[in-house]
Amino acid sequence: MAESFGVDAQRYDQARPGYPDELVARIVAGSPGADVLDVGCGTGIAARQFQAAGCTVLGVEPDARMADFARSHGLQVEVATFEAWQPAGRTFDAVIAAQSWHWVEPVTGAVKAARVLRPEGRLAIFGHVYEPPAEVAEPFAAAYRRAAPDSPLSGQPPRRPLDLYRAAYAKLADQIHETGQFNDPEQWRFDWKQSYTRDQWLDLLPTTGGLTQLRPDQLTEILDAVGSAIDSLGGHFTMNYTTLAVTAARPG
């Protein structure tokens, strides 16, 4: 699944949301310089935000299709998993992972990040928690069960509490701490909203992990059900987003 998102890299880049400017600014301000390594950079959504904030960014991305798209938008990218990537003596002021660290072996990744960070360099792992309103989430879950009953994801509840994600980030903070390579990790939270029309949400859904590997007929069944649900809400809805982050600096 980690390498399935490049099926439609352009749609992924256009539909997926960016990250809070406050988060980017806080990472940049808390790093000793402007050289950033973006782990699992995808199409470069986060990387371009860090470039706009004055950083020089190198991306590492296992999917060559995503890497090609990111390069076409001015990002330097090397194709590899983070575990296999060769730093060749290079070091960075910050190592970031935006919606990608769950594809990395967490302890191995944290130790490798420490090796490529300069003194006081910062590891920052962050991602979105988003659940559409029940009027959209429940028809999606029901359609997914019908269309893909054999998928391991078909048994998931329609909506997952924020506390589950916060617990996962707390565990990640513990794993970083246990490496002994970093100062005490911090956990950050950013709450924000975004409105979606029917077409905008149906454009984003196929870029999510549970749908990237479905057959066209399965995908159509799910999108039709979700589209009807959004129509019943007047053709649009507001998403409550929470962006969670775990960050820790190397000792000076």
C-alpha atoms as a PDB file:
ATOM      1  CA  MET A   1       0.000   0.000   0.000  1.00  0.00           C
ATOM      2  CA  ALA A   2       2.887   2.376   0.729  1.00  0.00           C
ATOM      3  CA  GLU A   3       3.760   2.417  -2.968  1.00  0.00           C
ATOM      4  CA  SER A   4       0.175   2.590  -4.277  1.00  0.00           C
ATOM      5  CA  PHE A   5      -0.325   6.340  -3.883  1.00  0.00           C
ATOM      6  CA  GLY A   6       1.516   7.122  -7.114  1.00  0.00           C
ATOM      7  CA  VAL A   7      -1.285   5.645  -9.229  1.00  0.00           C
ATOM      8  CA  ASP A   8      -2.480   9.201  -9.819  1.00  0.00           C
ATOM      9  CA  ALA A   9       0.196  11.501  -8.441  1.00  0.00           C
ATOM     10  CA  GLN A  10      -1.362  14.636  -9.909  1.00  0.00           C
ATOM     11  CA  ARG A  11      -4.724  13.975  -8.245  1.00  0.00           C
ATOM     12  CA  TYR A  12      -2.953  13.212  -4.961  1.00  0.00           C
ATOM     13  CA  ASP A  13      -1.092  16.505  -5.097  1.00  0.00           C
ATOM     14  CA  GLN A  14      -4.160  18.562  -6.008  1.00  0.00           C
ATOM     15  CA  ALA A  15      -6.591  16.940  -3.582  1.00  0.00           C
ATOM     16  CA  ARG A  16      -4.543  16.371  -0.440  1.00  0.00           C
ATOM     17  CA  PRO A  17      -4.467  19.256   2.050  1.00  0.00           C
ATOM     18  CA  GLY A  18      -1.308  21.030   3.106  1.00  0.00           C
ATOM     19  CA  TYR A  19      -0.110  21.586   6.653  1.00  0.00           C
ATOM     20  CA  PRO A  20      -0.706  24.459   9.075  1.00  0.00           C
ATOM     21  CA  ASP A  21       1.662  27.358   8.458  1.00  0.00           C
ATOM     22  CA  GLU A  22       2.134  27.621  12.216  1.00  0.00           C
ATOM     23  CA  LEU A  23       3.501  24.063  12.292  1.00  0.00           C
ATOM     24  CA  VAL A  24       5.985  24.752   9.501  1.00  0.00           C
ATOM     25  CA  ALA A  25       7.128  28.003  11.116  1.00  0.00           C
ATOM     26  CA  ARG A  26       7.576  26.331  14.490  1.00  0.00           C
ATOM     27  CA  ILE A  27       9.745  23.551  13.043  1.00  0.00           C
ATOM     28  CA  VAL A  28      11.885  26.024  11.102  1.00  0.00           C
ATOM     29  CA  ALA A  29      12.288  28.288  14.140  1.00  0.00           C
ATOM     30  CA  GLY A  30      13.259  25.325  16.312  1.00  0.00           C
ATOM     31  CA  SER A  31      15.953  24.036  13.947  1.00  0.00           C
ATOM     32  CA  PRO A  32      19.564  25.281  13.808  1.00  0.00           C
ATOM     33  CA  GLY A  33      19.476  25.951  10.066  1.00  0.00           C
ATOM     34  CA  ALA A  34      17.461  25.605   6.879  1.00  0.00           C
ATOM     35  CA  ASP A  35      18.600  22.246   5.419  1.00  0.00           C
ATOM     36  CA  VAL A  36      15.645  19.839   5.565  1.00  0.00           C
ATOM     37  CA  LEU A  37      15.332  16.131   4.755  1.00  0.00           C
ATOM     38  CA  ASP A  38      11.747  15.117   3.929  1.00  0.00           C
ATOM     39  CA  VAL A  39      11.147  11.401   4.559  1.00  0.00           C
ATOM     40  CA  GLY A  40       8.447   9.941   2.315  1.00  0.00           C
ATOM     41  CA  CYS A  41       8.020  13.279   0.572  1.00  0.00           C
ATOM     42  CA  GLY A  42       5.367  12.017  -1.857  1.00  0.00           C
ATOM     43  CA  THR A  43       4.552  14.693  -4.415  1.00  0.00           C
ATOM     44  CA  GLY A  44       6.207  17.359  -2.278  1.00  0.00           C
ATOM     45  CA  ILE A  45       3.200  18.950  -0.559  1.00  0.00           C
ATOM     46  CA  ALA A  46       5.019  19.578   2.728  1.00  0.00           C
ATOM     47  CA  ALA A  47       8.394  20.075   1.040  1.00  0.00           C
ATOM     48  CA  ARG A  48       7.110  23.003  -1.008  1.00  0.00           C
ATOM     49  CA  GLN A  49       5.779  24.638   2.152  1.00  0.00           C
ATOM     50  CA  PHE A  50       9.220  24.364   3.742  1.00  0.00           C
ATOM     51  CA  GLN A  51      10.816  25.732   0.577  1.00  0.00           C
ATOM     52  CA  ALA A  52       8.433  28.685   0.730  1.00  0.00           C
ATOM     53  CA  ALA A  53       9.595  29.218   4.322  1.00  0.00           C
ATOM     54  CA  GLY A  54      13.186  29.583   3.091  1.00  0.00           C
ATOM     55  CA  CYS A  55      14.450  26.023   3.474  1.00  0.00           C
ATOM     56  CA  THR A  56      16.492  23.852   1.139  1.00  0.00           C
ATOM     57  CA  VAL A  57      14.746  20.477   0.965  1.00  0.00           C
ATOM     58  CA  LEU A  58      15.895  17.024  -0.125  1.00  0.00           C
ATOM     59  CA  GLY A  59      13.137  14.427  -0.462  1.00  0.00           C
ATOM     60  CA  VAL A  60      13.397  10.678  -0.019  1.00  0.00           C
ATOM     61  CA  GLU A  61      10.500   8.772  -1.590  1.00  0.00           C
ATOM     62  CA  PRO A  62      10.094   5.031  -2.380  1.00  0.00           C
ATOM     63  CA  ASP A  63       7.557   5.522  -5.212  1.00  0.00           C
ATOM     64  CA  ALA A  64       9.303   6.684  -8.390  1.00  0.00           C
ATOM     65  CA  ARG A  65       6.043   8.102  -9.803  1.00  0.00           C
ATOM     66  CA  MET A  66       5.580  10.364  -6.805  1.00  0.00           C
ATOM     67  CA  ALA A  67       9.248  11.332  -6.931  1.00  0.00           C
ATOM     68  CA  ASP A  68       8.990  12.267 -10.606  1.00  0.00           C
ATOM     69  CA  PHE A  69       6.012  14.508  -9.893  1.00  0.00           C
ATOM     70  CA  ALA A  70       7.850  16.215  -7.030  1.00  0.00           C
ATOM     71  CA  ARG A  71      10.907  16.775  -9.248  1.00  0.00           C
ATOM     72  CA  SER A  72       8.699  18.341 -11.921  1.00  0.00           C
ATOM     73  CA  HIS A  73       7.759  20.954  -9.311  1.00  0.00           C
ATOM     74  CA  GLY A  74      11.304  21.855  -8.400  1.00  0.00           C
ATOM     75  CA  LEU A  75      12.105  19.425  -5.585  1.00  0.00           C
ATOM     76  CA  GLN A  76      15.270  17.330  -5.405  1.00  0.00           C
ATOM     77  CA  VAL A  77      14.244  13.729  -4.647  1.00  0.00           C
ATOM     78  CA  GLU A  78      16.120  10.437  -4.226  1.00  0.00           C
ATOM     79  CA  VAL A  79      14.138   7.216  -4.700  1.00  0.00           C
ATOM     80  CA  ALA A  80      14.498   4.849  -1.740  1.00  0.00           C
ATOM     81  CA  THR A  81      12.878   3.811   1.478  1.00  0.00           C
ATOM     82  CA  PHE A  82      14.294   5.775   4.389  1.00  0.00           C
ATOM     83  CA  GLU A  83      15.741   2.614   5.897  1.00  0.00           C
ATOM     84  CA  ALA A  84      17.679   1.844   2.679  1.00  0.00           C
ATOM     85  CA  TRP A  85      18.553   5.432   1.753  1.00  0.00           C
ATOM     86  CA  GLN A  86      22.266   6.285   1.783  1.00  0.00           C
ATOM     87  CA  PRO A  87      23.070   9.718   3.252  1.00  0.00           C
ATOM     88  CA  ALA A  88      26.655   9.609   1.887  1.00  0.00           C
ATOM     89  CA  GLY A  89      27.935  11.819   4.670  1.00  0.00           C
ATOM     90  CA  ARG A  90      25.244  14.485   4.301  1.00  0.00           C
ATOM     91  CA  THR A  91      23.670  16.039   7.395  1.00  0.00           C
ATOM     92  CA  PHE A  92      20.600  18.202   7.940  1.00  0.00           C
ATOM     93  CA  ASP A  93      19.111  20.718  10.333  1.00  0.00           C
ATOM     94  CA  ALA A  94      15.695  19.050  10.332  1.00  0.00           C
ATOM     95  CA  VAL A  95      14.275  15.675   9.345  1.00  0.00           C
ATOM     96  CA  ILE A  96      10.541  15.814   8.698  1.00  0.00           C
ATOM     97  CA  ALA A  97       7.949  13.159   7.907  1.00  0.00           C
ATOM     98  CA  ALA A  98       4.507  14.367   6.797  1.00  0.00           C
ATOM     99  CA  GLN A  99       1.838  11.662   6.777  1.00  0.00           C
ATOM    100  CA  SER A 100       4.581   9.101   6.095  1.00  0.00           C
ATOM    101  CA  TRP A 101       6.264   7.852   9.283  1.00  0.00           C
ATOM    102  CA  HIS A 102       3.809   4.960   9.683  1.00  0.00           C
ATOM    103  CA  TRP A 103       5.542   3.402   6.657  1.00  0.00           C
ATOM    104  CA  VAL A 104       8.930   3.599   8.436  1.00  0.00           C
ATOM    105  CA  GLU A 105      10.135   1.168  11.111  1.00  0.00           C
ATOM    106  CA  PRO A 106       9.901   3.678  13.970  1.00  0.00           C
ATOM    107  CA  VAL A 107      12.952   2.857  16.076  1.00  0.00           C
ATOM    108  CA  THR A 108      15.233   2.223  13.097  1.00  0.00           C
ATOM    109  CA  GLY A 109      13.973   5.433  11.522  1.00  0.00           C
ATOM    110  CA  ALA A 110      14.535   7.526  14.641  1.00  0.00           C
ATOM    111  CA  VAL A 111      18.080   6.237  15.074  1.00  0.00           C
ATOM    112  CA  LYS A 112      18.860   6.945  11.411  1.00  0.00           C
ATOM    113  CA  ALA A 113      17.350  10.427  11.691  1.00  0.00           C
ATOM    114  CA  ALA A 114      19.633  11.129  14.657  1.00  0.00           C
ATOM    115  CA  ARG A 115      22.660  10.063  12.595  1.00  0.00           C
ATOM    116  CA  VAL A 116      21.911  12.538   9.814  1.00  0.00           C
ATOM    117  CA  LEU A 117      20.920  15.454  12.052  1.00  0.00           C
ATOM    118  CA  ARG A 118      23.394  18.134  13.037  1.00  0.00           C
ATOM    119  CA  PRO A 119      23.760  19.052  16.735  1.00  0.00           C
ATOM    120  CA  GLU A 120      20.456  20.557  17.893  1.00  0.00           C
ATOM    121  CA  GLY A 121      18.856  19.354  14.660  1.00  0.00           C
ATOM    122  CA  ARG A 122      15.155  18.512  14.888  1.00  0.00           C
ATOM    123  CA  LEU A 123      13.122  15.421  13.995  1.00  0.00           C
ATOM    124  CA  ALA A 124       9.487  16.355  13.321  1.00  0.00           C
ATOM    125  CA  ILE A 125       6.846  13.744  12.525  1.00  0.00           C
ATOM    126  CA  PHE A 126       3.333  14.992  11.805  1.00  0.00           C
ATOM    127  CA  GLY A 127       0.082  14.112  10.135  1.00  0.00           C
ATOM    128  CA  HIS A 128      -3.607  14.876   9.874  1.00  0.00           C
ATOM    129  CA  VAL A 129      -6.460  13.320  11.795  1.00  0.00           C
ATOM    130  CA  TYR A 130      -9.649  13.840   9.840  1.00  0.00           C
ATOM    131  CA  GLU A 131     -13.048  12.255  10.038  1.00  0.00           C
ATOM    132  CA  PRO A 132     -15.944  13.554   7.967  1.00  0.00           C
ATOM    133  CA  PRO A 133     -19.296  14.006   9.718  1.00  0.00           C
ATOM    134  CA  ALA A 134     -21.268  10.864  10.490  1.00  0.00           C
ATOM    135  CA  GLU A 135     -23.666  11.624   7.611  1.00  0.00           C
ATOM    136  CA  VAL A 136     -20.715  11.088   5.225  1.00  0.00           C
ATOM    137  CA  ALA A 137     -18.600   8.596   7.174  1.00  0.00           C
ATOM    138  CA  GLU A 138     -21.327   6.024   7.763  1.00  0.00           C
ATOM    139  CA  PRO A 139     -22.426   5.669   4.102  1.00  0.00           C
ATOM    140  CA  PHE A 140     -18.737   5.402   3.160  1.00  0.00           C
ATOM    141  CA  ALA A 141     -18.149   2.572   5.661  1.00  0.00           C
ATOM    142  CA  ALA A 142     -21.279   0.706   4.554  1.00  0.00           C
ATOM    143  CA  ALA A 143     -20.376   1.004   0.867  1.00  0.00           C
ATOM    144  CA  TYR A 144     -16.798  -0.091   1.571  1.00  0.00           C
ATOM    145  CA  ARG A 145     -18.038  -3.232   3.335  1.00  0.00           C
ATOM    146  CA  ARG A 146     -20.276  -4.057   0.368  1.00  0.00           C
ATOM    147  CA  ALA A 147     -17.703  -3.297  -2.318  1.00  0.00           C
ATOM    148  CA  ALA A 148     -14.614  -4.779  -0.653  1.00  0.00           C
ATOM    149  CA  PRO A 149     -15.778  -7.296   1.968  1.00  0.00           C
ATOM    150  CA  ASP A 150     -12.441  -9.118   1.940  1.00  0.00           C
ATOM    151  CA  SER A 151     -10.367  -6.013   2.641  1.00  0.00           C
ATOM    152  CA  PRO A 152      -8.794  -5.884   6.110  1.00  0.00           C
ATOM    153  CA  LEU A 153     -10.044  -2.291   6.254  1.00  0.00           C
ATOM    154  CA  SER A 154     -13.716  -3.177   5.734  1.00  0.00           C
ATOM    155  CA  GLY A 155     -14.214  -3.986   9.400  1.00  0.00           C
ATOM    156  CA  GLN A 156     -13.146  -0.584  10.677  1.00  0.00           C
ATOM    157  CA  PRO A 157     -15.751   1.592  12.407  1.00  0.00           C
ATOM    158  CA  PRO A 158     -17.099   4.554  10.403  1.00  0.00           C
ATOM    159  CA  ARG A 159     -15.319   7.075  12.623  1.00  0.00           C
ATOM    160  CA  ARG A 160     -12.271   6.671  14.878  1.00  0.00           C
ATOM    161  CA  PRO A 161     -11.840   8.807  17.993  1.00  0.00           C
ATOM    162  CA  LEU A 162      -9.086  11.411  18.089  1.00  0.00           C
ATOM    163  CA  ASP A 163      -7.814   9.784  21.283  1.00  0.00           C
ATOM    164  CA  LEU A 164      -6.692   6.726  19.287  1.00  0.00           C
ATOM    165  CA  TYR A 165      -4.445   8.894  17.139  1.00  0.00           C
ATOM    166  CA  ARG A 166      -3.167  10.839  20.124  1.00  0.00           C
ATOM    167  CA  ALA A 167      -2.232   7.555  21.790  1.00  0.00           C
ATOM    168  CA  ALA A 168      -0.323   6.513  18.663  1.00  0.00           C
ATOM    169  CA  TYR A 169       1.653   9.771  18.690  1.00  0.00           C
ATOM    170  CA  ALA A 170       2.342   9.368  22.409  1.00  0.00           C
ATOM    171  CA  LYS A 171       3.729   5.893  21.704  1.00  0.00           C
ATOM    172  CA  LEU A 172       5.870   7.365  18.948  1.00  0.00           C
ATOM    173  CA  ALA A 173       7.222   9.955  21.382  1.00  0.00           C
ATOM    174  CA  ASP A 174       8.144   7.130  23.779  1.00  0.00           C
ATOM    175  CA  GLN A 175       9.946   5.251  20.994  1.00  0.00           C
ATOM    176  CA  ILE A 176      11.972   8.337  20.087  1.00  0.00           C
ATOM    177  CA  HIS A 177      12.839   8.913  23.752  1.00  0.00           C
ATOM    178  CA  GLU A 178      13.934   5.297  24.222  1.00  0.00           C
ATOM    179  CA  THR A 179      16.566   5.574  21.478  1.00  0.00           C
ATOM    180  CA  GLY A 180      18.558   7.850  23.794  1.00  0.00           C
ATOM    181  CA  GLN A 181      19.465   9.988  20.779  1.00  0.00           C
ATOM    182  CA  PHE A 182      17.205  12.982  21.435  1.00  0.00           C
ATOM    183  CA  ASN A 183      16.155  15.466  24.061  1.00  0.00           C
ATOM    184  CA  ASP A 184      12.690  14.914  25.534  1.00  0.00           C
ATOM    185  CA  PRO A 185      10.096  14.812  22.711  1.00  0.00           C
ATOM    186  CA  GLU A 186       7.317  17.370  22.522  1.00  0.00           C
ATOM    187  CA  GLN A 187       3.792  16.786  21.229  1.00  0.00           C
ATOM    188  CA  TRP A 188       2.015  19.543  19.309  1.00  0.00           C
ATOM    189  CA  ARG A 189      -1.580  19.890  18.166  1.00  0.00           C
ATOM    190  CA  PHE A 190      -3.179  22.183  15.595  1.00  0.00           C
ATOM    191  CA  ASP A 191      -6.959  22.322  15.020  1.00  0.00           C
ATOM    192  CA  TRP A 192      -8.444  23.751  11.848  1.00  0.00           C
ATOM    193  CA  LYS A 193     -11.361  23.383   9.431  1.00  0.00           C
ATOM    194  CA  GLN A 194     -11.770  22.964   5.698  1.00  0.00           C
ATOM    195  CA  SER A 195     -14.917  22.968   3.594  1.00  0.00           C
ATOM    196  CA  TYR A 196     -15.409  20.446   0.796  1.00  0.00           C
ATOM    197  CA  THR A 197     -17.827  20.339  -2.090  1.00  0.00           C
ATOM    198  CA  ARG A 198     -19.048  16.987  -3.347  1.00  0.00           C
ATOM    199  CA  ASP A 199     -16.552  17.008  -6.222  1.00  0.00           C
ATOM    200  CA  GLN A 200     -13.644  18.054  -4.023  1.00  0.00           C
ATOM    201  CA  TRP A 201     -14.203  15.223  -1.541  1.00  0.00           C
ATOM    202  CA  LEU A 202     -14.739  12.626  -4.258  1.00  0.00           C
ATOM    203  CA  ASP A 203     -11.461  13.800  -5.791  1.00  0.00           C
ATOM    204  CA  LEU A 204      -9.609  13.279  -2.504  1.00  0.00           C
ATOM    205  CA  LEU A 205     -11.091   9.919  -1.481  1.00  0.00           C
ATOM    206  CA  PRO A 206      -9.365   7.821  -4.210  1.00  0.00           C
ATOM    207  CA  THR A 207      -5.977   9.097  -2.955  1.00  0.00           C
ATOM    208  CA  THR A 208      -6.454   7.483   0.473  1.00  0.00           C
ATOM    209  CA  GLY A 209      -4.785   4.200   1.321  1.00  0.00           C
ATOM    210  CA  GLY A 210      -7.945   2.127   1.589  1.00  0.00           C
ATOM    211  CA  LEU A 211      -9.017   3.007  -1.952  1.00  0.00           C
ATOM    212  CA  THR A 212      -5.833   3.205  -4.020  1.00  0.00           C
ATOM    213  CA  GLN A 213      -5.795  -0.555  -4.663  1.00  0.00           C
ATOM    214  CA  LEU A 214      -9.483  -1.162  -5.369  1.00  0.00           C
ATOM    215  CA  ARG A 215     -10.874  -2.188  -8.747  1.00  0.00           C
ATOM    216  CA  PRO A 216     -12.633   0.542 -10.745  1.00  0.00           C
ATOM    217  CA  ASP A 217     -16.078  -0.989 -10.115  1.00  0.00           C
ATOM    218  CA  GLN A 218     -15.446  -1.137  -6.362  1.00  0.00           C
ATOM    219  CA  LEU A 219     -14.281   2.458  -6.317  1.00  0.00           C
ATOM    220  CA  THR A 220     -17.294   3.621  -8.331  1.00  0.00           C
ATOM    221  CA  GLU A 221     -19.728   1.954  -5.917  1.00  0.00           C
ATOM    222  CA  ILE A 222     -18.116   3.671  -2.931  1.00  0.00           C
ATOM    223  CA  LEU A 223     -17.887   7.088  -4.567  1.00  0.00           C
ATOM    224  CA  ASP A 224     -21.516   6.931  -5.707  1.00  0.00           C
ATOM    225  CA  ALA A 225     -22.660   6.223  -2.152  1.00  0.00           C
ATOM    226  CA  VAL A 226     -20.559   9.003  -0.670  1.00  0.00           C
ATOM    227  CA  GLY A 227     -21.617  11.434  -3.384  1.00  0.00           C
ATOM    228  CA  SER A 228     -25.285  10.770  -2.622  1.00  0.00           C
ATOM    229  CA  ALA A 229     -24.624  11.336   1.071  1.00  0.00           C
ATOM    230  CA  ILE A 230     -22.996  14.702   0.383  1.00  0.00           C
ATOM    231  CA  ASP A 231     -25.853  15.644  -1.943  1.00  0.00           C
ATOM    232  CA  SER A 232     -28.242  15.085   0.960  1.00  0.00           C
ATOM    233  CA  LEU A 233     -26.221  17.642   2.959  1.00  0.00           C
ATOM    234  CA  GLY A 234     -26.653  20.254   0.254  1.00  0.00           C
ATOM    235  CA  GLY A 235     -23.600  19.291  -1.790  1.00  0.00           C
ATOM    236  CA  HIS A 236     -20.921  20.298   0.706  1.00  0.00           C
ATOM    237  CA  PHE A 237     -19.708  19.769   4.284  1.00  0.00           C
ATOM    238  CA  THR A 238     -17.076  21.084   6.692  1.00  0.00           C
ATOM    239  CA  MET A 239     -14.239  18.834   7.860  1.00  0.00           C
ATOM    240  CA  ASN A 240     -12.728  19.272  11.297  1.00  0.00           C
ATOM    241  CA  TYR A 241      -9.001  18.591  11.001  1.00  0.00           C
ATOM    242  CA  THR A 242      -6.459  18.031  13.760  1.00  0.00           C
ATOM    243  CA  THR A 243      -2.795  17.965  12.824  1.00  0.00           C
ATOM    244  CA  LEU A 244      -0.690  16.123  15.402  1.00  0.00           C
ATOM    245  CA  ALA A 245       3.096  16.294  15.660  1.00  0.00           C
ATOM    246  CA  VAL A 246       5.881  14.681  17.661  1.00  0.00           C
ATOM    247  CA  THR A 247       9.165  16.512  17.579  1.00  0.00           C
ATOM    248  CA  ALA A 248      12.505  16.181  19.340  1.00  0.00           C
ATOM    249  CA  ALA A 249      15.920  17.781  18.953  1.00  0.00           C
ATOM    250  CA  ARG A 250      19.336  16.186  19.100  1.00  0.00           C
ATOM    251  CA  PRO A 251      21.458  17.384  22.015  1.00  0.00           C
ATOM    252  CA  GLY A 252      23.795  20.250  21.247  1.00  0.00           C
END
